[in-house]
Protein backbone atom coordinates (compact mmCIF):
# COMPACT_ATOMS: atom_id res chain seq x y z
CA MET A 1 -78.84 -111.28 105.46
CA TYR A 2 -79.58 -107.83 104.80
CA ASP A 3 -76.59 -107.01 103.45
CA ALA A 4 -76.44 -110.36 101.39
CA VAL A 5 -79.56 -109.14 99.58
CA ARG A 6 -78.29 -105.72 99.18
CA MET A 7 -75.33 -107.06 97.11
CA ARG A 8 -77.08 -109.10 94.87
CA LEU A 9 -79.49 -105.86 94.19
CA VAL A 10 -76.44 -103.94 93.32
CA GLU A 11 -75.37 -107.18 91.07
CA ILE A 12 -78.48 -106.71 89.51
CA GLY A 13 -78.13 -103.37 88.85
CA GLU A 14 -74.57 -103.65 87.18
CA ALA A 15 -76.47 -106.38 85.08
CA VAL A 16 -78.71 -104.02 83.99
CA ALA A 17 -76.39 -101.20 83.39
CA ARG A 18 -75.33 -103.13 80.69
CA LEU A 19 -77.54 -104.31 78.86
CA SER A 20 -77.99 -103.25 75.14
CA THR A 21 -80.87 -100.62 74.32
CA ASN A 22 -81.86 -103.84 72.05
CA VAL A 23 -82.90 -105.57 74.69
CA THR A 24 -84.44 -103.25 76.89
CA GLU A 25 -86.23 -101.61 74.42
CA ARG A 26 -88.49 -104.76 74.13
CA THR A 27 -89.91 -104.76 77.42
CA ALA A 28 -90.28 -100.85 77.43
CA ASP A 29 -92.42 -101.57 80.92
CA VAL A 30 -89.32 -102.63 83.13
CA PRO A 31 -88.12 -99.54 84.86
CA TRP A 32 -84.95 -100.39 83.47
CA ARG A 33 -82.98 -96.64 84.79
CA ASP A 34 -84.30 -97.01 87.80
CA ILE A 35 -82.88 -100.80 88.49
CA ALA A 36 -79.57 -99.09 87.46
CA ALA A 37 -80.19 -96.03 89.48
CA MET A 38 -81.36 -98.36 92.84
CA ARG A 39 -77.67 -99.56 92.17
CA ASN A 40 -76.01 -96.32 91.91
CA HIS A 41 -77.66 -95.40 95.05
CA LEU A 42 -76.95 -98.85 96.73
CA VAL A 43 -73.19 -98.44 95.96
CA HIS A 44 -72.93 -94.60 96.94
CA GLN A 45 -75.32 -94.07 99.43
CA TYR A 46 -74.87 -97.18 101.62
CA PHE A 47 -75.62 -95.77 105.19
CA ASP A 48 -78.51 -93.59 103.63
CA THR A 49 -80.44 -96.86 102.57
CA ALA A 50 -83.26 -97.96 104.41
CA PHE A 51 -84.02 -101.16 104.89
CA GLY A 52 -87.72 -100.49 104.20
CA ILE A 53 -86.33 -99.30 100.39
CA ILE A 54 -84.59 -103.08 100.37
CA HIS A 55 -87.55 -105.53 101.52
CA SER A 56 -90.14 -103.10 99.10
CA THR A 57 -87.68 -103.85 95.97
CA VAL A 58 -87.91 -107.54 97.33
CA VAL A 59 -91.57 -108.26 97.97
CA ARG A 60 -92.99 -105.75 94.69
CA GLU A 61 -90.00 -105.81 92.11
CA LEU A 62 -88.20 -108.71 91.93
CA GLU A 63 -91.06 -111.66 90.38
CA PRO A 64 -92.09 -108.47 88.03
CA LEU A 65 -88.49 -108.53 86.54
CA ARG A 66 -88.04 -112.05 87.10
CA ARG A 67 -90.79 -112.48 84.38
CA ALA A 68 -89.96 -110.00 82.05
CA ILE A 69 -86.03 -111.46 81.92
CA GLY A 70 -87.71 -115.12 81.31
CA GLN A 71 -89.45 -113.42 78.42
CA LEU A 72 -86.70 -112.02 77.81
CA GLN A 73 -84.60 -115.20 77.00
CA ARG A 74 -87.86 -117.07 75.41
CA ASP A 75 -87.60 -114.24 72.92
CA LEU A 76 -83.93 -113.96 71.88
CA THR A 77 -83.35 -117.94 71.89
CA THR A 78 -86.51 -118.45 69.01
CA GLU A 79 -84.79 -115.62 67.50
C-alpha cells in the first residue's frame, strides 16, 4: 500500500509541475513548488523517504489540495 500511495503522490507532483502559471497564480496559498519538489524527492530519493512523510502528507495535505483543485475547476469552467 505504501508503494501505491507513494506512486499516486508522484503522479500528483508530475501533474502539478505541468500546470501553467495562470492556473497556479489563482491559488497562491497552495504550495505548488513544494508539491512538485516532493515528487522529485520521491522519484530520486526512493530509499530516503520515511513512511512518516508519506503518511503526514496524506493525512494533512491531500484534503486542502483537493479543495483547492475543486475550486480551480469551478472557476475555470465558469469563465
